[in-house]
Amino acid sequence: MPLSAKKLKVGDTHSEKVVENLHRTQLVMYSGTSGDYNPLHSDEIFSTKVAGYPSVFAHGMLSMGLTGKMLTNYVGDGRLTKYGVRFSTQVWPGDDLTATATVEAIREEGGQHYVDLAISTRNQKDQEVINGSATARIDP
């Protein structure tokens, strides 16, 4: 059911667990899908011995995509008009991620209704891994 300006209020939130126990296989699959074969995301020896990280870690765009899944589940397909994030920290294999959208504003522009959302994705340690914003068209 599409979001409606009449039913929303500033401060409303929507949260979803977007991944549970992120697997290394998911990182490799994303590499193939995105064409980003940086060894930091798939080669344990390179990541630890050469680059000095504790392990391989997820692509930022994978984390952003998982967060985007929560957004489209909330606002509906084809309704996002703006979506941008900042990556706060790495996402590691084994992480659980929960994404939350918080209503910051409900507005009308040119006869169309919009909702402005603050976005935050946190891991199982309650560390923010993504923060950002989104805007979506909504029903009156």
Protein backbone atom coordinates (compact mmCIF):
# COMPACT_ATOMS: atom_id res chain seq x y z
CA MET A 1 0.00 0.00 0.00
CA PRO A 2 1.53 3.35 -1.04
CA LEU A 3 2.48 5.87 1.63
CA SER A 4 0.03 8.71 2.12
CA ALA A 5 0.74 12.24 3.36
CA LYS A 6 -2.43 12.01 5.47
CA LYS A 7 -1.15 8.96 7.34
CA LEU A 8 2.46 10.07 7.92
CA LYS A 9 3.89 12.39 10.53
CA VAL A 10 7.35 13.78 11.18
CA GLY A 11 9.25 11.35 13.38
CA ASP A 12 7.61 8.17 12.03
CA THR A 13 10.13 5.39 11.45
CA HIS A 14 10.35 2.21 9.42
CA SER A 15 13.08 -0.38 10.14
CA GLU A 16 14.04 -3.64 8.46
CA LYS A 17 16.81 -6.15 8.95
CA VAL A 18 18.32 -6.09 5.47
CA VAL A 19 20.93 -8.79 5.95
CA GLU A 20 21.62 -11.39 8.59
CA ASN A 21 25.06 -12.97 8.85
CA LEU A 22 26.52 -11.44 5.68
CA HIS A 23 28.36 -14.23 3.87
CA ARG A 24 31.62 -13.97 1.94
CA THR A 25 29.79 -15.63 -0.93
CA GLN A 26 27.51 -12.58 -1.08
CA LEU A 27 30.59 -10.36 -1.42
CA VAL A 28 31.94 -12.46 -4.29
CA MET A 29 28.53 -12.55 -5.97
CA TYR A 30 28.29 -8.76 -5.69
CA SER A 31 31.77 -8.44 -7.23
CA GLY A 32 30.53 -10.37 -10.25
CA THR A 33 27.32 -8.40 -10.50
CA SER A 34 28.93 -4.98 -10.10
CA GLY A 35 32.16 -5.69 -11.97
CA ASP A 36 34.12 -4.44 -8.93
CA TYR A 37 36.80 -7.09 -8.42
CA ASN A 38 38.88 -5.17 -5.89
CA PRO A 39 40.64 -7.91 -3.87
CA LEU A 40 39.75 -6.10 -0.61
CA HIS A 41 36.31 -7.67 -0.99
CA SER A 42 37.26 -11.26 -1.83
CA ASP A 43 40.93 -12.07 -1.18
CA GLU A 44 41.60 -12.71 2.52
CA ILE A 45 45.39 -12.83 2.10
CA PHE A 46 45.50 -9.55 0.19
CA SER A 47 43.13 -7.85 2.64
CA THR A 48 45.03 -8.94 5.75
CA LYS A 49 48.68 -9.24 4.72
CA VAL A 50 48.97 -6.53 2.06
CA ALA A 51 46.31 -3.98 2.99
CA GLY A 52 46.35 -4.52 6.77
CA TYR A 53 42.62 -5.03 7.33
CA PRO A 54 41.33 -7.71 9.71
CA SER A 55 39.43 -9.44 6.87
CA VAL A 56 37.71 -8.83 3.56
CA PHE A 57 34.82 -6.37 3.77
CA ALA A 58 31.67 -5.51 1.83
CA HIS A 59 31.54 -3.09 -1.06
CA GLY A 60 30.04 0.22 0.02
CA MET A 61 27.57 -0.03 -2.83
CA LEU A 62 26.41 -3.45 -1.58
CA SER A 63 25.58 -1.88 1.79
CA MET A 64 23.87 1.00 0.00
CA GLY A 65 21.86 -1.43 -2.13
CA LEU A 66 20.73 -3.40 0.91
CA THR A 67 19.65 -0.14 2.54
CA GLY A 68 17.84 0.80 -0.68
CA LYS A 69 15.89 -2.45 -0.44
CA MET A 70 14.41 -1.21 2.85
CA LEU A 71 13.54 2.12 1.21
CA THR A 72 11.69 0.63 -1.75
CA ASN A 73 9.90 -1.79 0.55
CA TYR A 74 8.74 1.23 2.58
CA VAL A 75 7.90 3.82 -0.08
CA GLY A 76 7.13 1.51 -3.01
CA ASP A 77 8.80 0.78 -6.33
CA GLY A 78 9.41 3.73 -8.63
CA ARG A 79 8.72 6.35 -5.96
CA LEU A 80 12.23 7.36 -4.88
CA THR A 81 13.30 10.68 -6.38
CA LYS A 82 16.54 11.11 -4.42
CA TYR A 83 18.79 8.76 -2.46
CA GLY A 84 22.28 9.45 -1.15
CA VAL A 85 24.45 8.05 1.63
CA ARG A 86 27.77 8.36 3.42
CA PHE A 87 29.66 5.24 4.43
CA SER A 88 30.58 5.47 8.12
CA THR A 89 32.51 2.23 8.64
CA GLN A 90 33.19 -1.11 6.97
CA VAL A 91 30.68 -3.93 6.84
CA TRP A 92 32.28 -7.31 7.60
CA PRO A 93 31.35 -10.91 6.87
CA GLY A 94 29.04 -12.10 9.65
CA ASP A 95 27.46 -8.68 10.16
CA ASP A 96 23.73 -8.20 10.58
CA LEU A 97 22.42 -4.91 9.21
CA THR A 98 19.23 -3.08 10.14
CA ALA A 99 18.19 -0.07 8.06
CA THR A 100 15.88 2.65 9.35
CA ALA A 101 14.09 5.50 7.60
CA THR A 102 12.83 8.41 9.71
CA VAL A 103 10.32 10.93 8.34
CA GLU A 104 11.90 14.39 8.46
CA ALA A 105 9.37 16.33 6.38
CA ILE A 106 6.15 15.88 4.44
CA ARG A 107 5.68 18.49 1.75
CA GLU A 108 3.89 19.42 -1.41
CA GLU A 109 5.68 20.78 -4.45
CA GLY A 110 4.08 21.47 -7.82
CA GLY A 111 0.95 19.57 -6.84
CA GLN A 112 2.92 16.44 -5.91
CA HIS A 113 3.41 15.19 -2.32
CA TYR A 114 6.83 14.14 -1.06
CA VAL A 115 8.36 12.67 2.07
CA ASP A 116 11.94 13.49 3.07
CA LEU A 117 13.64 10.71 5.01
CA ALA A 118 16.77 10.41 7.15
CA ILE A 119 18.45 7.05 6.60
CA SER A 120 20.60 5.07 9.03
CA THR A 121 21.90 1.52 8.74
CA ARG A 122 23.44 -0.06 11.82
CA ASN A 123 25.22 -3.34 12.49
CA GLN A 124 24.63 -5.81 15.31
CA LYS A 125 26.97 -3.77 17.55
CA ASP A 126 24.71 -0.73 17.02
CA GLN A 127 27.45 0.99 14.99
CA GLU A 128 26.18 3.16 12.17
CA VAL A 129 27.62 1.91 8.88
CA ILE A 130 25.55 4.19 6.60
CA ASN A 131 23.79 7.50 7.05
CA GLY A 132 22.02 9.49 4.42
CA SER A 133 18.78 10.83 3.07
CA ALA A 134 16.07 10.04 0.58
CA THR A 135 13.01 11.68 -0.93
CA ALA A 136 10.01 9.84 -2.33
CA ARG A 137 6.75 10.72 -4.02
CA ILE A 138 3.75 9.82 -1.86
CA ASP A 139 -0.01 9.89 -2.24
CA PRO A 140 -1.94 12.88 -0.84
